[in-house]
Amino acid sequence: MYAQPAHGPRHPTAVRRASSTLLSLLGPALAFALAACTPHQVTRAPAPPIDPPATYAGASEAAAPVMPERWWTVFGDPALDALVARALGGNFDLRAAWARVAQVRALAGQLDTRLPELSLAADVARSRSVSPPLTIDLPPGIDVDETSTATRGSVSLQAGYEVDVWRRMGSQRAAMAQDLLAVRDDTAAIAMTIAAEVTVAWLDLRTAHAQAALVDEQLRLTQAQLELLEGRLRAGLGVTALDIFQQRSLLAQLRAQRVQITSAEIAVRARLAALVGVTPGELATELAAAPPSLPDVPPVPAVGVPADLLVRRPDVRAARRRVEAADWRVASAVADRLPTLRLSGSAGIAGFTVRQLIETPVYSVLASLTQPLFDSGRRKAKVAEQRAVVEERLAGYARALVTAAIEVESALAGERHAVELAAELEAQRELAAATVGVALDRYRDGQIDYLPVLSAVQTEQRLGLAVLDARRAHLALRVQLYRALGGTWTAELAAPAPLPLRSSPRPEEK
């Protein structure tokens, strides 16, 4: 339908009538679009393509405490709580994830075509024409101007709208909305990983401090024993030079261990600083305050059932949302094979004089219906492509759920073994300490030489460090279990303030 009078009625109501004509066409079309439905039935919040097990194989049937949402607080360490809070606001990987959320949100805004697109156009044209020469003689004194000029101006408001009859564009918007939620879930998964990594690094730092304290005590006792042996050697009380050299060798070994512990502590400090998003020097005070001991391992929390992971694990939620997004794109591809209805129109004024410009309205209304007939199978292939994407995303959805359940199972299995290992090592350490006492008594009585004493001391020292390592491994397994169970605390996170974009100083300003 098209109408464009060259010169409309010379009164202002003509523009209003043109606008009413345009709205009378757009109104029913908008209503029809709102009532339209997609030709492809999209599955909302799709269920996993596999059935999760009813329970975890390693779960205990005994009553267990409920895991707090911010699970790292169970260790009762305010310094750890502060470090995790700083990391959740300053970690660079998390900042990059929030930036990706903003990017997808902006892309989603570009697809919002629910309202007509409006634009204002104005133009001025000046023309000049030359008349052909006359072929007759004019009386003397009469001149004819052979050129003429004209200036024409126009101002118009233009509107365009595609009626989303089959929800082609609506399906694209719905797919992008799911993509946005999936990227937000990716950000939550990164936040959970960062909280776990900070907690493990903090436990590693406390382990290093505990190891350093233990080795320092062993150094003190070994040095005192060396001085005692050297005194007995000078007094001729049955100590040989071999005993002295063996004791000095043990002392050198402990000093080497102390250097290794210091080196490991420096590496842990750097790791923590990177996780928080600062340089190691900025955390010097906080890290130096880490106590030289490890916290007690809290009781095993209630793990629920594997189906809970669909809600508590952001990576599983993201995989589910991407399946739905792919299904919405199938709907969009199917709708693209159907007729398209587009409406466009303009209303404005135009004329060669100011009076004409004010009094002469110009308007046009156009409706077009387009049906694809032949495109070499491109649209059909697009539908097949999007259906294959759905299959791929379903496989990823199943893999995410299975991986999450395996992580919980592995943490529970490791929990049992860690408890048994820590108990065995502690029993061995106690036996080694008793052996050292007996060996020293027999050595003082002259019943044995110093070599059995030295061997017993080395075993006790080694087991002391092994007990610390086992406790640290047990705590790390508990962190792994907490992380594997997920949580909903990430819903409270907000994007941090953006980093400043600064210009580098010029070479002459350095």
Protein backbone atom coordinates (compact mmCIF):
# COMPACT_ATOMS: atom_id res chain seq x y z
CA MET A 1 0.00 0.00 0.00
CA TYR A 2 1.56 3.28 -1.05
CA ALA A 3 0.48 6.90 -1.20
CA GLN A 4 2.58 9.98 -1.74
CA PRO A 5 0.85 13.18 -2.80
CA ALA A 6 3.24 15.62 -4.40
CA HIS A 7 1.47 18.57 -2.82
CA GLY A 8 -0.90 17.79 0.06
CA PRO A 9 -3.62 20.03 1.41
CA ARG A 10 -2.38 23.35 2.59
CA HIS A 11 -3.31 23.08 6.25
CA PRO A 12 -1.43 21.62 9.29
CA THR A 13 -3.94 18.81 9.90
CA ALA A 14 -2.63 16.95 6.85
CA VAL A 15 0.50 15.90 8.72
CA ARG A 16 -1.62 14.56 11.57
CA ARG A 17 -3.72 12.60 9.08
CA ALA A 18 -0.57 11.10 7.57
CA SER A 19 0.69 10.07 10.98
CA SER A 20 -2.68 8.52 11.81
CA THR A 21 -2.57 6.53 8.58
CA LEU A 22 0.87 5.17 9.46
CA LEU A 23 -0.17 4.28 13.01
CA SER A 24 -3.37 2.64 11.77
CA LEU A 25 -1.23 0.21 9.80
CA LEU A 26 1.44 -0.33 12.45
CA GLY A 27 -1.06 -0.88 15.29
CA PRO A 28 -2.75 -4.04 13.95
CA ALA A 29 0.59 -5.35 12.77
CA LEU A 30 2.07 -4.93 16.25
CA ALA A 31 -0.91 -6.68 17.79
CA PHE A 32 -0.56 -9.51 15.31
CA ALA A 33 3.13 -9.84 16.13
CA LEU A 34 2.42 -10.05 19.85
CA ALA A 35 -0.11 -12.81 19.26
CA ALA A 36 2.20 -14.77 16.93
CA CYS A 37 3.90 -17.99 17.93
CA THR A 38 7.07 -19.71 16.83
CA PRO A 39 6.76 -22.61 14.37
CA HIS A 40 9.34 -24.56 16.42
CA GLN A 41 8.48 -25.64 19.97
CA VAL A 42 11.42 -24.67 22.20
CA THR A 43 12.18 -26.77 25.28
CA ARG A 44 12.52 -24.44 28.27
CA ALA A 45 15.04 -25.36 31.02
CA PRO A 46 15.81 -28.73 29.38
CA ALA A 47 16.35 -31.73 31.60
CA PRO A 48 19.73 -33.49 31.38
CA PRO A 49 19.90 -36.13 28.64
CA ILE A 50 21.03 -38.64 31.27
CA ASP A 51 19.49 -39.54 34.61
CA PRO A 52 21.74 -38.59 37.54
CA PRO A 53 22.17 -41.24 40.25
CA ALA A 54 19.84 -41.12 43.22
CA THR A 55 22.68 -40.77 45.76
CA TYR A 56 26.45 -40.48 45.96
CA ALA A 57 28.21 -43.79 46.43
CA GLY A 58 30.58 -42.37 49.03
CA ALA A 59 28.01 -40.39 51.03
CA SER A 60 27.55 -41.24 54.68
CA GLU A 61 24.09 -42.03 55.95
CA ALA A 62 24.84 -40.41 59.31
CA ALA A 63 23.51 -36.95 60.07
CA ALA A 64 25.86 -34.24 58.83
CA PRO A 65 25.95 -30.45 59.27
CA VAL A 66 24.68 -28.24 56.49
CA MET A 67 27.48 -26.58 54.55
CA PRO A 68 27.36 -22.80 54.86
CA GLU A 69 27.06 -20.91 51.61
CA ARG A 70 30.38 -19.13 52.13
CA TRP A 71 32.03 -22.39 53.08
CA TRP A 72 35.55 -21.00 53.72
CA THR A 73 34.27 -19.42 56.92
CA VAL A 74 34.13 -22.91 58.53
CA PHE A 75 37.90 -22.67 59.09
CA GLY A 76 37.38 -19.80 61.51
CA ASP A 77 40.19 -17.67 60.04
CA PRO A 78 39.33 -13.94 59.64
CA ALA A 79 42.48 -13.39 57.60
CA LEU A 80 41.32 -16.01 55.10
CA ASP A 81 37.86 -14.44 54.94
CA ALA A 82 39.43 -11.07 54.14
CA LEU A 83 41.67 -12.52 51.43
CA VAL A 84 38.76 -14.27 49.70
CA ALA A 85 36.72 -11.06 49.78
CA ARG A 86 39.60 -9.12 48.22
CA ALA A 87 40.10 -11.77 45.54
CA LEU A 88 36.42 -11.75 44.60
CA GLY A 89 36.69 -8.03 43.98
CA GLY A 90 40.14 -7.74 42.45
CA ASN A 91 41.09 -10.97 40.67
CA PHE A 92 41.93 -10.21 37.05
CA ASP A 93 40.36 -13.39 35.64
CA LEU A 94 37.15 -12.51 37.43
CA ARG A 95 37.31 -8.94 36.13
CA ALA A 96 37.69 -10.27 32.60
CA ALA A 97 34.67 -12.54 33.15
CA TRP A 98 32.56 -9.58 34.25
CA ALA A 99 33.68 -7.71 31.13
CA ARG A 100 32.47 -10.64 29.01
CA VAL A 101 29.09 -10.40 30.75
CA ALA A 102 28.91 -6.72 29.79
CA GLN A 103 29.83 -7.56 26.20
CA VAL A 104 27.08 -10.15 25.85
CA ARG A 105 24.60 -7.78 27.48
CA ALA A 106 25.50 -5.12 24.91
CA LEU A 107 25.12 -7.64 22.08
CA ALA A 108 21.69 -8.56 23.41
CA GLY A 109 20.73 -4.89 23.33
CA GLN A 110 21.64 -4.73 19.64
CA LEU A 111 19.05 -7.43 18.90
CA ASP A 112 16.17 -5.60 20.58
CA THR A 113 13.89 -4.77 17.63
CA ARG A 114 10.54 -4.81 19.40
CA LEU A 115 9.92 -1.13 18.61
CA PRO A 116 9.98 0.58 15.20
CA GLU A 117 13.21 2.18 14.12
CA LEU A 118 12.82 5.95 13.74
CA SER A 119 15.10 8.39 11.93
CA LEU A 120 14.91 12.07 11.05
CA ALA A 121 15.99 13.18 7.57
CA ALA A 122 16.43 16.70 6.25
CA ASP A 123 17.79 17.91 2.91
CA VAL A 124 18.09 21.05 0.84
CA ALA A 125 18.53 21.00 -2.94
CA ARG A 126 19.31 24.00 -5.16
CA SER A 127 18.88 23.63 -8.94
CA ARG A 128 19.62 25.88 -11.92
CA SER A 129 18.26 25.49 -15.44
CA VAL A 130 19.19 27.20 -18.73
CA SER A 131 16.40 28.00 -21.21
CA PRO A 132 17.02 27.29 -24.92
CA PRO A 133 17.70 30.34 -27.10
CA LEU A 134 14.70 31.99 -28.76
CA THR A 135 14.32 31.64 -32.50
CA ILE A 136 12.30 34.85 -32.98
CA ASP A 137 13.39 38.46 -32.92
CA LEU A 138 12.20 40.46 -29.93
CA PRO A 139 11.45 44.18 -30.06
CA PRO A 140 14.29 46.45 -29.07
CA GLY A 141 14.65 46.98 -25.32
CA ILE A 142 13.21 43.55 -24.26
CA ASP A 143 15.67 41.06 -22.72
CA VAL A 144 14.90 37.42 -21.83
CA ASP A 145 16.70 35.69 -18.88
CA GLU A 146 17.83 32.32 -20.22
CA THR A 147 18.59 30.81 -16.72
CA SER A 148 16.42 30.05 -13.67
CA THR A 149 17.22 28.75 -10.12
CA ALA A 150 15.09 26.98 -7.51
CA THR A 151 15.70 25.84 -3.93
CA ARG A 152 13.73 22.94 -2.46
CA GLY A 153 13.85 21.76 1.18
CA SER A 154 12.30 18.84 3.02
CA VAL A 155 12.13 17.42 6.55
CA SER A 156 10.71 13.97 7.26
CA LEU A 157 10.35 11.44 10.06
CA GLN A 158 10.95 7.91 8.77
CA ALA A 159 9.86 4.68 10.48
CA GLY A 160 10.61 1.04 9.71
CA TYR A 161 9.41 -2.10 11.41
CA GLU A 162 9.55 -5.82 10.73
CA VAL A 163 6.48 -7.59 12.08
CA ASP A 164 7.84 -10.61 13.93
CA VAL A 165 5.07 -12.91 12.75
CA TRP A 166 6.95 -16.17 13.35
CA ARG A 167 9.12 -14.88 16.24
CA ARG A 168 12.30 -15.04 14.23
CA MET A 169 13.79 -12.01 15.95
CA GLY A 170 12.09 -12.86 19.26
CA SER A 171 13.79 -16.26 19.19
CA GLN A 172 17.14 -14.58 18.59
CA ARG A 173 16.53 -12.33 21.59
CA ALA A 174 15.55 -15.31 23.73
CA ALA A 175 18.71 -17.15 22.66
CA MET A 176 20.87 -14.16 23.51
CA ALA A 177 19.14 -13.86 26.90
CA GLN A 178 20.11 -17.45 27.68
CA ASP A 179 23.65 -16.75 26.47
CA LEU A 180 23.81 -13.82 28.87
CA LEU A 181 22.69 -15.98 31.79
CA ALA A 182 25.20 -18.67 30.78
CA VAL A 183 28.06 -16.17 30.73
CA ARG A 184 26.92 -14.92 34.14
CA ASP A 185 27.05 -18.54 35.36
CA ASP A 186 30.55 -18.85 33.89
CA THR A 187 31.51 -15.86 36.01
CA ALA A 188 30.04 -17.54 39.09
CA ALA A 189 32.06 -20.69 38.34
CA ILE A 190 35.24 -18.62 38.10
CA ALA A 191 34.40 -16.95 41.42
CA MET A 192 33.97 -20.36 43.07
CA THR A 193 37.29 -21.52 41.65
CA ILE A 194 39.04 -18.39 42.88
CA ALA A 195 37.61 -18.79 46.39
CA ALA A 196 38.86 -22.40 46.45
CA GLU A 197 42.30 -21.48 45.10
CA VAL A 198 42.73 -18.68 47.63
CA THR A 199 41.73 -21.03 50.44
CA VAL A 200 44.15 -23.75 49.31
CA ALA A 201 46.96 -21.22 48.88
CA TRP A 202 46.30 -19.84 52.36
CA LEU A 203 46.41 -23.36 53.79
CA ASP A 204 49.67 -23.92 51.91
CA LEU A 205 51.06 -20.78 53.52
CA ARG A 206 50.01 -21.94 56.98
CA THR A 207 51.55 -25.34 56.20
CA ALA A 208 54.83 -23.66 55.21
CA HIS A 209 54.83 -21.69 58.47
CA ALA A 210 54.10 -24.88 60.44
CA GLN A 211 56.87 -26.75 58.61
CA ALA A 212 59.27 -23.90 59.23
CA ALA A 213 58.44 -23.93 62.96
CA LEU A 214 58.88 -27.71 63.11
CA VAL A 215 62.19 -27.70 61.25
CA ASP A 216 63.44 -24.80 63.37
CA GLU A 217 62.71 -26.86 66.49
CA GLN A 218 64.44 -29.87 64.95
CA LEU A 219 67.43 -27.69 64.10
CA ARG A 220 67.60 -26.47 67.70
CA LEU A 221 67.48 -30.01 69.11
CA THR A 222 69.94 -31.36 66.53
CA GLN A 223 72.38 -28.52 67.23
CA ALA A 224 72.10 -29.14 70.96
CA GLN A 225 72.71 -32.86 70.44
CA LEU A 226 75.76 -32.08 68.29
CA GLU A 227 77.20 -29.88 71.00
CA LEU A 228 76.57 -32.65 73.53
CA LEU A 229 78.35 -35.20 71.34
CA GLU A 230 81.28 -32.89 70.79
CA GLY A 231 81.57 -32.43 74.57
CA ARG A 232 81.50 -36.19 75.14
CA LEU A 233 84.12 -36.63 72.41
CA ARG A 234 86.45 -34.19 74.15
CA ALA A 235 85.83 -35.95 77.44
CA GLY A 236 86.56 -39.35 75.89
CA LEU A 237 83.17 -40.78 76.77
CA GLY A 238 82.83 -43.21 73.91
CA VAL A 239 81.85 -40.80 71.13
CA THR A 240 83.66 -41.28 67.85
CA ALA A 241 84.41 -38.87 65.05
CA LEU A 242 81.92 -40.83 62.91
CA ASP A 243 79.15 -39.93 65.35
CA ILE A 244 80.08 -36.25 65.03
CA PHE A 245 80.10 -36.35 61.24
CA GLN A 246 76.75 -38.13 61.14
CA GLN A 247 75.20 -35.56 63.43
CA ARG A 248 76.61 -32.72 61.36
CA SER A 249 75.23 -34.38 58.22
CA LEU A 250 71.79 -34.47 59.82
CA LEU A 251 72.11 -30.80 60.72
CA ALA A 252 73.03 -29.94 57.10
CA GLN A 253 70.01 -31.87 55.84
CA LEU A 254 67.69 -29.91 58.11
CA ARG A 255 69.19 -26.61 56.97
CA ALA A 256 68.58 -27.62 53.35
CA GLN A 257 64.98 -28.47 54.21
CA ARG A 258 64.60 -25.08 55.83
CA VAL A 259 65.78 -23.36 52.65
CA GLN A 260 63.30 -25.37 50.58
CA ILE A 261 60.47 -24.41 52.93
CA THR A 262 61.40 -20.73 52.63
CA SER A 263 61.46 -21.00 48.85
CA ALA A 264 58.04 -22.70 48.84
CA GLU A 265 56.65 -20.00 51.13
CA ILE A 266 57.81 -17.26 48.73
CA ALA A 267 56.09 -19.05 45.85
CA VAL A 268 52.85 -19.36 47.85
CA ARG A 269 52.97 -15.65 48.70
CA ALA A 270 53.29 -14.81 45.01
CA ARG A 271 50.41 -17.15 44.16
CA LEU A 272 48.15 -15.53 46.72
CA ALA A 273 49.03 -12.04 45.49
CA ALA A 274 48.21 -13.03 41.90
CA LEU A 275 44.86 -14.45 43.00
CA VAL A 276 43.99 -11.29 44.90
CA GLY A 277 45.17 -9.07 42.03
CA VAL A 278 48.02 -7.22 43.77
CA THR A 279 51.78 -7.44 44.03
CA PRO A 280 53.29 -9.63 46.80
CA GLY A 281 54.53 -6.58 48.65
CA GLU A 282 50.99 -5.28 49.14
CA LEU A 283 50.08 -8.44 51.09
CA ALA A 284 53.26 -8.65 53.16
CA THR A 285 51.56 -7.73 56.44
CA GLU A 286 48.56 -10.03 55.99
CA LEU A 287 50.65 -13.01 54.86
CA ALA A 288 53.22 -12.65 57.61
CA ALA A 289 50.38 -13.03 60.14
CA ALA A 290 49.49 -16.55 58.96
CA PRO A 291 49.67 -18.78 62.06
CA PRO A 292 52.31 -21.58 62.13
CA SER A 293 49.65 -24.28 62.43
CA LEU A 294 46.84 -25.84 60.46
CA PRO A 295 43.14 -25.57 61.38
CA ASP A 296 41.17 -28.62 62.38
CA VAL A 297 39.30 -30.37 59.60
CA PRO A 298 35.57 -29.59 59.96
CA PRO A 299 33.01 -32.41 59.92
CA VAL A 300 31.96 -33.70 56.53
CA PRO A 301 28.95 -31.63 55.37
CA ALA A 302 25.69 -32.98 54.05
CA VAL A 303 26.18 -33.50 50.31
CA GLY A 304 22.56 -33.94 49.27
CA VAL A 305 21.80 -35.77 46.02
CA PRO A 306 23.40 -35.40 42.58
CA ALA A 307 20.27 -33.73 41.21
CA ASP A 308 21.05 -30.74 43.47
CA LEU A 309 24.03 -29.97 41.23
CA LEU A 310 21.61 -28.74 38.56
CA VAL A 311 20.94 -25.74 40.80
CA ARG A 312 24.12 -25.40 42.87
CA ARG A 313 26.76 -25.84 40.18
CA PRO A 314 27.05 -22.78 37.89
CA ASP A 315 28.92 -24.73 35.21
CA VAL A 316 26.03 -27.20 34.98
CA ARG A 317 23.52 -24.34 34.85
CA ALA A 318 25.53 -22.66 32.09
CA ALA A 319 25.56 -25.88 30.05
CA ARG A 320 21.77 -26.17 30.40
CA ARG A 321 21.22 -22.56 29.36
CA ARG A 322 23.38 -23.03 26.26
CA VAL A 323 21.21 -25.98 25.22
CA GLU A 324 18.12 -23.78 25.44
CA ALA A 325 19.88 -20.95 23.60
CA ALA A 326 20.74 -23.33 20.75
CA ASP A 327 17.12 -24.52 20.61
CA TRP A 328 15.92 -20.92 20.34
CA ARG A 329 18.27 -20.45 17.40
CA VAL A 330 16.68 -23.48 15.75
CA ALA A 331 13.34 -21.67 16.10
CA SER A 332 14.84 -18.54 14.55
CA ALA A 333 16.29 -20.52 11.63
CA VAL A 334 12.94 -22.25 11.00
CA ALA A 335 11.12 -18.91 11.09
CA ASP A 336 13.60 -17.46 8.59
CA ARG A 337 12.19 -19.85 5.95
CA LEU A 338 8.69 -18.35 6.31
CA PRO A 339 7.25 -15.09 4.88
CA THR A 340 8.52 -11.80 6.27
CA LEU A 341 6.26 -8.77 6.75
CA ARG A 342 7.90 -5.35 6.80
CA LEU A 343 6.30 -1.95 7.27
CA SER A 344 7.87 1.40 6.56
CA GLY A 345 6.66 4.93 6.32
CA SER A 346 7.59 8.56 6.48
CA ALA A 347 5.85 11.83 7.20
CA GLY A 348 7.23 15.30 6.68
CA ILE A 349 7.11 18.56 4.79
CA ALA A 350 8.67 19.72 1.52
CA GLY A 351 8.48 22.76 -0.73
CA PHE A 352 10.24 25.39 -2.80
CA THR A 353 9.25 28.31 -0.55
CA VAL A 354 8.92 28.84 3.17
CA ARG A 355 5.15 28.92 2.76
CA GLN A 356 5.14 25.64 0.85
CA LEU A 357 7.52 24.10 3.42
CA ILE A 358 5.10 24.96 6.22
CA GLU A 359 1.85 24.10 4.47
CA THR A 360 2.77 21.15 2.24
CA PRO A 361 2.95 17.78 4.00
CA VAL A 362 4.41 14.72 2.31
CA TYR A 363 3.93 11.22 3.61
CA SER A 364 4.33 7.64 2.44
CA VAL A 365 3.36 4.23 3.82
CA LEU A 366 4.70 0.94 2.50
CA ALA A 367 3.98 -2.65 3.49
CA SER A 368 5.85 -5.56 1.93
CA LEU A 369 5.51 -9.33 2.26
CA THR A 370 8.52 -11.44 1.27
CA GLN A 371 8.54 -15.21 0.86
CA PRO A 372 11.89 -16.93 0.13
CA LEU A 373 11.52 -19.18 -2.88
CA PHE A 374 15.01 -20.37 -3.82
CA ASP A 375 18.26 -19.82 -1.94
CA SER A 376 20.24 -22.94 -2.95
CA GLY A 377 19.23 -24.64 0.32
CA ARG A 378 20.97 -22.08 2.51
CA ARG A 379 18.12 -21.60 4.98
CA LYS A 380 17.43 -25.33 5.19
CA ALA A 381 21.11 -25.97 5.87
CA LYS A 382 21.02 -23.31 8.59
CA VAL A 383 18.23 -25.19 10.36
CA ALA A 384 20.22 -28.43 10.16
CA GLU A 385 23.29 -26.64 11.51
CA GLN A 386 21.42 -25.28 14.52
CA ARG A 387 19.90 -28.69 15.27
CA ALA A 388 23.42 -30.14 15.28
CA VAL A 389 24.47 -27.38 17.69
CA VAL A 390 21.68 -28.51 20.02
CA GLU A 391 23.08 -32.06 19.90
CA GLU A 392 26.55 -30.75 20.70
CA ARG A 393 25.28 -28.65 23.61
CA LEU A 394 23.32 -31.61 24.97
CA ALA A 395 26.52 -33.65 25.05
CA GLY A 396 28.24 -30.80 26.87
CA TYR A 397 25.33 -30.61 29.31
CA ALA A 398 25.62 -34.32 30.10
CA ARG A 399 29.39 -34.06 30.43
CA ALA A 400 29.13 -31.11 32.85
CA LEU A 401 26.68 -32.99 35.06
CA VAL A 402 28.73 -36.21 35.07
CA THR A 403 31.94 -34.28 35.75
CA ALA A 404 30.32 -32.47 38.68
CA ALA A 405 29.06 -35.73 40.19
CA ILE A 406 32.48 -37.37 39.73
CA GLU A 407 34.18 -34.46 41.48
CA VAL A 408 31.92 -34.91 44.50
CA GLU A 409 32.45 -38.68 44.48
CA SER A 410 36.24 -38.26 44.20
CA ALA A 411 36.34 -35.78 47.06
CA LEU A 412 34.28 -38.10 49.27
CA ALA A 413 36.50 -41.08 48.44
CA GLY A 414 39.64 -39.06 49.06
CA GLU A 415 38.15 -37.90 52.36
CA ARG A 416 38.02 -41.43 53.73
CA HIS A 417 41.56 -42.22 52.62
CA ALA A 418 42.89 -38.93 53.99
CA VAL A 419 41.46 -39.68 57.43
CA GLU A 420 43.01 -43.14 57.44
CA LEU A 421 46.39 -41.86 56.20
CA ALA A 422 46.55 -39.06 58.77
CA ALA A 423 45.75 -41.51 61.59
CA GLU A 424 48.40 -43.99 60.41
CA LEU A 425 51.09 -41.32 60.08
CA GLU A 426 50.29 -39.87 63.50
CA ALA A 427 50.58 -43.34 65.03
CA GLN A 428 53.92 -43.86 63.29
CA ARG A 429 55.18 -40.50 64.53
CA GLU A 430 54.29 -41.39 68.12
CA LEU A 431 56.07 -44.72 67.77
CA ALA A 432 59.09 -42.98 66.27
CA ALA A 433 59.21 -40.53 69.18
CA ALA A 434 59.09 -43.43 71.63
CA THR A 435 61.86 -45.18 69.67
CA VAL A 436 64.07 -42.11 69.92
CA GLY A 437 63.62 -42.05 73.69
CA VAL A 438 64.54 -45.75 74.07
CA ALA A 439 67.49 -45.44 71.70
CA LEU A 440 68.88 -42.46 73.60
CA ASP A 441 68.60 -44.31 76.91
CA ARG A 442 70.43 -47.34 75.57
CA TYR A 443 73.07 -45.13 73.96
CA ARG A 444 73.72 -43.34 77.25
CA ASP A 445 74.03 -46.75 78.95
CA GLY A 446 76.58 -47.79 76.33
CA GLN A 447 74.43 -50.64 75.02
CA ILE A 448 74.38 -49.36 71.42
CA ASP A 449 76.37 -46.97 69.30
CA TYR A 450 74.99 -43.67 68.01
CA LEU A 451 73.82 -44.89 64.58
CA PRO A 452 70.46 -46.36 65.79
CA VAL A 453 69.80 -43.10 67.64
CA LEU A 454 70.51 -41.10 64.54
CA SER A 455 68.25 -43.33 62.44
CA ALA A 456 65.40 -43.03 64.94
CA VAL A 457 65.75 -39.24 65.06
CA GLN A 458 65.67 -38.96 61.27
CA THR A 459 62.54 -41.14 61.12
CA GLU A 460 60.77 -39.02 63.71
CA GLN A 461 61.68 -35.80 61.91
CA ARG A 462 60.50 -37.15 58.56
CA LEU A 463 57.22 -38.35 60.02
CA GLY A 464 56.63 -34.98 61.68
CA LEU A 465 56.72 -33.29 58.27
CA ALA A 466 54.68 -36.12 56.73
CA VAL A 467 51.91 -35.58 59.29
CA LEU A 468 51.75 -31.90 58.33
CA ASP A 469 51.60 -32.81 54.64
CA ALA A 470 48.81 -35.32 55.30
CA ARG A 471 46.76 -32.78 57.25
CA ARG A 472 47.27 -30.21 54.52
CA ALA A 473 46.16 -32.75 51.88
CA HIS A 474 43.08 -33.58 53.95
CA LEU A 475 42.15 -29.91 54.19
CA ALA A 476 42.68 -29.49 50.44
CA LEU A 477 40.34 -32.42 49.81
CA ARG A 478 37.74 -30.76 51.99
CA VAL A 479 38.07 -27.57 49.93
CA GLN A 480 37.68 -29.70 46.80
CA LEU A 481 34.46 -31.16 48.23
CA TYR A 482 33.09 -27.72 49.12
CA ARG A 483 33.85 -26.43 45.63
CA ALA A 484 32.39 -29.55 43.97
CA LEU A 485 29.11 -29.08 45.84
CA GLY A 486 28.80 -25.55 44.47
CA GLY A 487 26.47 -23.05 46.07
CA THR A 488 24.25 -20.07 45.47
CA TRP A 489 26.35 -17.42 47.22
CA THR A 490 27.66 -16.14 43.86
CA ALA A 491 24.23 -14.65 43.13
CA GLU A 492 25.17 -11.84 45.54
CA LEU A 493 28.32 -10.89 43.60
CA ALA A 494 28.40 -7.67 41.61
CA ALA A 495 30.77 -6.46 38.94
CA PRO A 496 33.70 -4.43 40.34
CA ALA A 497 34.50 -0.94 39.21
CA PRO A 498 36.31 -1.02 35.85
CA LEU A 499 40.05 -0.60 35.74
CA PRO A 500 41.21 2.87 34.61
CA LEU A 501 42.43 3.20 31.03
CA ARG A 502 45.63 5.21 31.29
CA SER A 503 47.95 6.52 28.62
CA SER A 504 51.61 5.60 28.78
CA PRO A 505 54.03 8.46 29.38
CA ARG A 506 55.90 9.74 26.35
CA PRO A 507 59.59 8.80 26.10
CA GLU A 508 60.69 12.34 26.92
CA GLU A 509 58.47 12.34 30.04
CA LYS A 510 60.08 9.27 31.57
